[in-house]
C-alpha atoms as a PDB file:
ATOM      1  CA  MET A   1      22.615 -43.036  22.354  1.00  0.00           C
ATOM      2  CA  LYS A   2      24.761 -40.226  23.129  1.00  0.00           C
ATOM      3  CA  LYS A   3      26.045 -40.464  19.501  1.00  0.00           C
ATOM      4  CA  ASN A   4      22.365 -40.092  18.164  1.00  0.00           C
ATOM      5  CA  ARG A   5      22.797 -37.240  20.898  1.00  0.00           C
ATOM      6  CA  THR A   6      25.742 -35.750  18.934  1.00  0.00           C
ATOM      7  CA  VAL A   7      24.185 -36.235  15.186  1.00  0.00           C
ATOM      8  CA  PHE A   8      20.587 -34.551  16.476  1.00  0.00           C
ATOM      9  CA  PHE A   9      22.220 -31.310  17.305  1.00  0.00           C
ATOM     10  CA  ALA A  10      24.815 -31.345  14.875  1.00  0.00           C
ATOM     11  CA  LEU A  11      22.288 -31.446  12.193  1.00  0.00           C
ATOM     12  CA  LEU A  12      19.740 -28.908  14.399  1.00  0.00           C
ATOM     13  CA  LEU A  13      22.315 -26.446  14.846  1.00  0.00           C
ATOM     14  CA  PHE A  14      23.277 -26.828  10.185  1.00  0.00           C
ATOM     15  CA  ALA A  15      19.620 -26.489   9.889  1.00  0.00           C
ATOM     16  CA  VAL A  16      19.478 -22.544  11.760  1.00  0.00           C
ATOM     17  CA  LEU A  17      22.670 -21.578  10.002  1.00  0.00           C
ATOM     18  CA  THR A  18      21.728 -22.207   6.909  1.00  0.00           C
ATOM     19  CA  ALA A  19      18.632 -20.987   7.324  1.00  0.00           C
ATOM     20  CA  ALA A  20      19.935 -17.986   8.338  1.00  0.00           C
ATOM     21  CA  CYS A  21      21.602 -17.713   5.331  1.00  0.00           C
ATOM     22  CA  GLY A  22      20.502 -15.365   2.178  1.00  0.00           C
ATOM     23  CA  LYS A  23      20.383 -11.746   0.214  1.00  0.00           C
ATOM     24  CA  LYS A  24      20.437  -8.845   2.802  1.00  0.00           C
ATOM     25  CA  GLY A  25      18.447  -5.776   2.721  1.00  0.00           C
ATOM     26  CA  ASP A  26      14.643  -4.973   3.117  1.00  0.00           C
ATOM     27  CA  PRO A  27      12.274  -6.816   2.039  1.00  0.00           C
ATOM     28  CA  LEU A  28      10.323  -6.265  -1.176  1.00  0.00           C
ATOM     29  CA  PRO A  29       6.436  -6.352  -2.332  1.00  0.00           C
ATOM     30  CA  GLN A  30       5.310  -9.122  -3.727  1.00  0.00           C
ATOM     31  CA  LYS A  31       2.599  -6.694  -5.406  1.00  0.00           C
ATOM     32  CA  VAL A  32       4.857  -3.947  -7.416  1.00  0.00           C
ATOM     33  CA  ASP A  33       2.904  -4.008 -10.152  1.00  0.00           C
ATOM     34  CA  GLN A  34       0.646  -1.751  -7.724  1.00  0.00           C
ATOM     35  CA  LEU A  35       2.492   1.112  -6.787  1.00  0.00           C
ATOM     36  CA  PHE A  36       2.547   3.889  -7.552  1.00  0.00           C
ATOM     37  CA  SER A  37       4.452   7.710  -6.571  1.00  0.00           C
ATOM     38  CA  LEU A  38       4.040  11.094  -7.602  1.00  0.00           C
ATOM     39  CA  GLN A  39       6.005  13.775  -9.458  1.00  0.00           C
ATOM     40  CA  ASN A  40       5.901  17.220  -9.983  1.00  0.00           C
ATOM     41  CA  VAL A  41       3.131  17.846  -6.707  1.00  0.00           C
ATOM     42  CA  PHE A  42       3.359  22.036  -6.591  1.00  0.00           C
ATOM     43  CA  VAL A  43      -0.250  24.015  -5.109  1.00  0.00           C
ATOM     44  CA  THR A  44      -1.000  27.339  -6.458  1.00  0.00           C
ATOM     45  CA  TYR A  45      -2.751  30.258  -3.797  1.00  0.00           C
ATOM     46  CA  ASN A  46      -5.872  31.482  -5.735  1.00  0.00           C
ATOM     47  CA  PRO A  47      -6.216  35.074  -5.894  1.00  0.00           C
ATOM     48  CA  GLU A  48      -9.758  34.407  -3.598  1.00  0.00           C
ATOM     49  CA  GLY A  49      -8.260  32.837  -1.252  1.00  0.00           C
ATOM     50  CA  THR A  50      -8.172  28.931  -2.946  1.00  0.00           C
ATOM     51  CA  LEU A  51      -5.483  26.748  -3.033  1.00  0.00           C
ATOM     52  CA  THR A  52      -4.958  24.568  -6.051  1.00  0.00           C
ATOM     53  CA  VAL A  53      -3.737  21.101  -6.426  1.00  0.00           C
ATOM     54  CA  GLN A  54      -1.730  19.223  -9.369  1.00  0.00           C
ATOM     55  CA  GLY A  55       0.891  16.954 -10.000  1.00  0.00           C
ATOM     56  CA  THR A  56       0.816  13.655 -11.587  1.00  0.00           C
ATOM     57  CA  VAL A  57       0.704   9.668 -10.169  1.00  0.00           C
ATOM     58  CA  VAL A  58       3.055   7.253 -11.933  1.00  0.00           C
ATOM     59  CA  GLY A  59       2.032   4.166 -11.809  1.00  0.00           C
ATOM     60  CA  ALA A  60      -0.432   2.113 -10.677  1.00  0.00           C
ATOM     61  CA  ILE A  61      -2.954   4.234 -10.891  1.00  0.00           C
ATOM     62  CA  ALA A  62      -6.144   1.784 -10.288  1.00  0.00           C
ATOM     63  CA  SER A  63      -4.647   1.513  -6.986  1.00  0.00           C
ATOM     64  CA  VAL A  64      -4.897   4.966  -5.587  1.00  0.00           C
ATOM     65  CA  GLN A  65      -7.977   4.447  -2.759  1.00  0.00           C
ATOM     66  CA  ALA A  66      -8.055   8.699  -1.872  1.00  0.00           C
ATOM     67  CA  PHE A  67      -5.897  11.984  -2.054  1.00  0.00           C
ATOM     68  CA  SER A  68      -5.184  14.118   1.562  1.00  0.00           C
ATOM     69  CA  LEU A  69      -3.559  17.397   1.747  1.00  0.00           C
ATOM     70  CA  GLU A  70      -3.141  18.290   5.316  1.00  0.00           C
ATOM     71  CA  LEU A  71      -2.830  22.041   5.915  1.00  0.00           C
ATOM     72  CA  GLU A  72      -0.607  24.576   8.157  1.00  0.00           C
ATOM     73  CA  ALA A  73      -0.736  28.180   8.702  1.00  0.00           C
ATOM     74  CA  VAL A  74       2.646  29.722   9.269  1.00  0.00           C
ATOM     75  CA  ASP A  75       4.137  33.206   9.787  1.00  0.00           C
ATOM     76  CA  GLU A  76       6.482  33.429   7.344  1.00  0.00           C
ATOM     77  CA  ASP A  77       9.674  33.425  10.298  1.00  0.00           C
ATOM     78  CA  CYS A  78       8.558  29.741  10.784  1.00  0.00           C
ATOM     79  CA  ILE A  79      11.559  28.383   9.773  1.00  0.00           C
ATOM     80  CA  GLY A  80      12.714  25.122  11.311  1.00  0.00           C
ATOM     81  CA  CYS A  81       9.114  25.127  12.869  1.00  0.00           C
ATOM     82  CA  PRO A  82       6.796  21.487  13.606  1.00  0.00           C
ATOM     83  CA  PHE A  83       4.800  20.781  10.934  1.00  0.00           C
ATOM     84  CA  VAL A  84       1.335  21.175  12.548  1.00  0.00           C
ATOM     85  CA  PRO A  85      -0.947  20.050  10.783  1.00  0.00           C
ATOM     86  CA  ALA A  86      -4.189  21.680  11.405  1.00  0.00           C
ATOM     87  CA  GLU A  87      -6.490  20.899   8.815  1.00  0.00           C
ATOM     88  CA  LYS A  88      -6.755  17.793   5.873  1.00  0.00           C
ATOM     89  CA  TYR A  89      -8.807  18.022   2.925  1.00  0.00           C
ATOM     90  CA  THR A  90      -9.458  14.295   1.854  1.00  0.00           C
ATOM     91  CA  GLN A  91     -10.544  13.501  -1.743  1.00  0.00           C
ATOM     92  CA  THR A  92     -11.586  10.096  -3.981  1.00  0.00           C
ATOM     93  CA  PRO A  93     -10.240   9.415  -6.820  1.00  0.00           C
ATOM     94  CA  GLU A  94     -13.668   9.978  -8.388  1.00  0.00           C
ATOM     95  CA  GLU A  95     -13.551  13.327  -6.900  1.00  0.00           C
ATOM     96  CA  VAL A  96     -10.452  14.295  -8.435  1.00  0.00           C
ATOM     97  CA  TRP A  97     -10.394  12.191 -11.810  1.00  0.00           C
ATOM     98  CA  GLY A  98     -14.450  12.040 -12.723  1.00  0.00           C
ATOM     99  CA  GLY A  99     -14.850   8.595 -14.785  1.00  0.00           C
ATOM    100  CA  VAL A 100     -11.583   8.407 -15.978  1.00  0.00           C
ATOM    101  CA  ARG A 101      -8.870   7.817 -14.158  1.00  0.00           C
ATOM    102  CA  ARG A 102      -5.578   9.123 -15.552  1.00  0.00           C
ATOM    103  CA  ALA A 103      -2.288  10.271 -14.785  1.00  0.00           C
ATOM    104  CA  ASP A 104      -2.516  13.522 -13.992  1.00  0.00           C
ATOM    105  CA  PHE A 105      -4.516  14.931 -11.570  1.00  0.00           C
ATOM    106  CA  GLY A 106      -6.192  18.392  -9.636  1.00  0.00           C
ATOM    107  CA  PHE A 107      -8.682  20.056  -7.257  1.00  0.00           C
ATOM    108  CA  THR A 108      -9.186  22.707  -5.396  1.00  0.00           C
ATOM    109  CA  VAL A 109      -9.459  22.758  -1.807  1.00  0.00           C
ATOM    110  CA  TYR A 110     -10.396  26.292   0.295  1.00  0.00           C
ATOM    111  CA  PRO A 111      -8.823  26.850   3.905  1.00  0.00           C
ATOM    112  CA  HIS A 112     -10.969  27.289   6.886  1.00  0.00           C
ATOM    113  CA  THR A 113      -7.662  29.216   8.127  1.00  0.00           C
ATOM    114  CA  ARG A 114      -6.859  32.835   6.515  1.00  0.00           C
ATOM    115  CA  SER A 115      -3.183  32.569   6.019  1.00  0.00           C
ATOM    116  CA  THR A 116      -0.267  34.672   3.223  1.00  0.00           C
ATOM    117  CA  VAL A 117       1.430  31.648   4.102  1.00  0.00           C
ATOM    118  CA  TYR A 118       0.438  27.680   4.701  1.00  0.00           C
ATOM    119  CA  ARG A 119       3.099  24.804   4.556  1.00  0.00           C
ATOM    120  CA  TRP A 120       1.631  21.254   3.300  1.00  0.00           C
ATOM    121  CA  ARG A 121       1.861  18.083   2.318  1.00  0.00           C
ATOM    122  CA  LEU A 122      -0.354  15.659   0.216  1.00  0.00           C
ATOM    123  CA  THR A 123      -0.496  11.442   0.934  1.00  0.00           C
ATOM    124  CA  VAL A 124      -2.402   9.750  -1.659  1.00  0.00           C
ATOM    125  CA  HIS A 125      -3.520   6.554  -0.113  1.00  0.00           C
ATOM    126  CA  ASN A 126      -2.720   3.198  -1.482  1.00  0.00           C
ATOM    127  CA  ALA A 127      -5.780   0.722  -1.391  1.00  0.00           C
ATOM    128  CA  VAL A 128      -3.603  -1.929  -1.997  1.00  0.00           C
ATOM    129  CA  SER A 129      -3.099  -3.037   2.208  1.00  0.00           C
ATOM    130  CA  GLY A 130       0.456  -3.744   2.665  1.00  0.00           C
ATOM    131  CA  LEU A 131       2.114  -0.875  -0.213  1.00  0.00           C
ATOM    132  CA  PRO A 132       3.463   2.178   0.655  1.00  0.00           C
ATOM    133  CA  ASN A 133       1.304   6.083   0.282  1.00  0.00           C
ATOM    134  CA  ALA A 134       2.839   8.048  -1.220  1.00  0.00           C
ATOM    135  CA  VAL A 135       4.035  11.238   0.194  1.00  0.00           C
ATOM    136  CA  THR A 136       5.425  14.358  -1.450  1.00  0.00           C
ATOM    137  CA  PRO A 137       8.316  16.637   1.432  1.00  0.00           C
ATOM    138  CA  VAL A 138       6.529  19.366   3.251  1.00  0.00           C
ATOM    139  CA  TYR A 139       6.200  22.546   0.748  1.00  0.00           C
ATOM    140  CA  LYS A 140       5.715  26.458   1.722  1.00  0.00           C
ATOM    141  CA  VAL A 141       3.182  28.588  -0.121  1.00  0.00           C
ATOM    142  CA  HIS A 142       2.489  32.047  -0.773  1.00  0.00           C
ATOM    143  CA  LYS A 143       0.069  33.615  -1.314  1.00  0.00           C
ATOM    144  CA  PRO A 144       1.242  36.122  -3.979  1.00  0.00           C
ATOM    145  CA  PHE A 145       2.213  39.628  -3.880  1.00  0.00           C
ATOM    146  CA  ASP A 146      -1.034  42.222  -4.120  1.00  0.00           C
ATOM    147  CA  ASP A 147       0.686  45.110  -5.246  1.00  0.00           C
ATOM    148  CA  GLU A 148      -2.155  47.836  -4.755  1.00  0.00           C
ATOM    149  CA  ARG A 149       0.353  50.821  -5.603  1.00  0.00           C
ATOM    150  CA  ASN A 150      -0.524  53.428  -8.185  1.00  0.00           C
ATOM    151  CA  PHE A 151       0.970  53.886 -10.338  1.00  0.00           C
ATOM    152  CA  VAL A 152       1.738  56.921 -12.555  1.00  0.00           C
ATOM    153  CA  GLU A 153       2.814  57.285 -16.115  1.00  0.00           C
ATOM    154  CA  VAL A 154       5.375  59.899 -17.142  1.00  0.00           C
ATOM    155  CA  ARG A 155       6.634  61.113 -20.438  1.00  0.00           C
ATOM    156  CA  GLN A 156       9.580  62.933 -21.523  1.00  0.00           C
ATOM    157  CA  ALA A 157       8.611  66.373 -23.010  1.00  0.00           C
ATOM    158  CA  GLU A 158       9.957  65.850 -27.109  1.00  0.00           C
END
């Protein structure tokens, strides 16, 4: 009886130890063909006060569920402040691309809070549950400089 018990525990210990063996590292998603990423994303501050978002989705654009732009109006001297978005604008792929999905995208929003400087972050949501969204870092966009000085043309005498 003791011999059977010893063999049983030895087999159990062996099974537990071999089950833990394997390659170490982060798990990879099973649906790699449904992943996408963002490239060349930027926001332009337009003269009429709107913001235009443009960029490229690389990969499975059929998996794109929505585009979400988060905005925070900030002071120019707010270096190191945490990003606390006060506004969020969500666009569906149909609103962004119309009927045909393509790699390049662009849409325009009109911020509710007026500012000369905005910090922003874009998230493109994946329609496949369990797969990650594509998210940009937090960037800053400035209102274009308006030069309202009156210049006088000076001619040299000949």
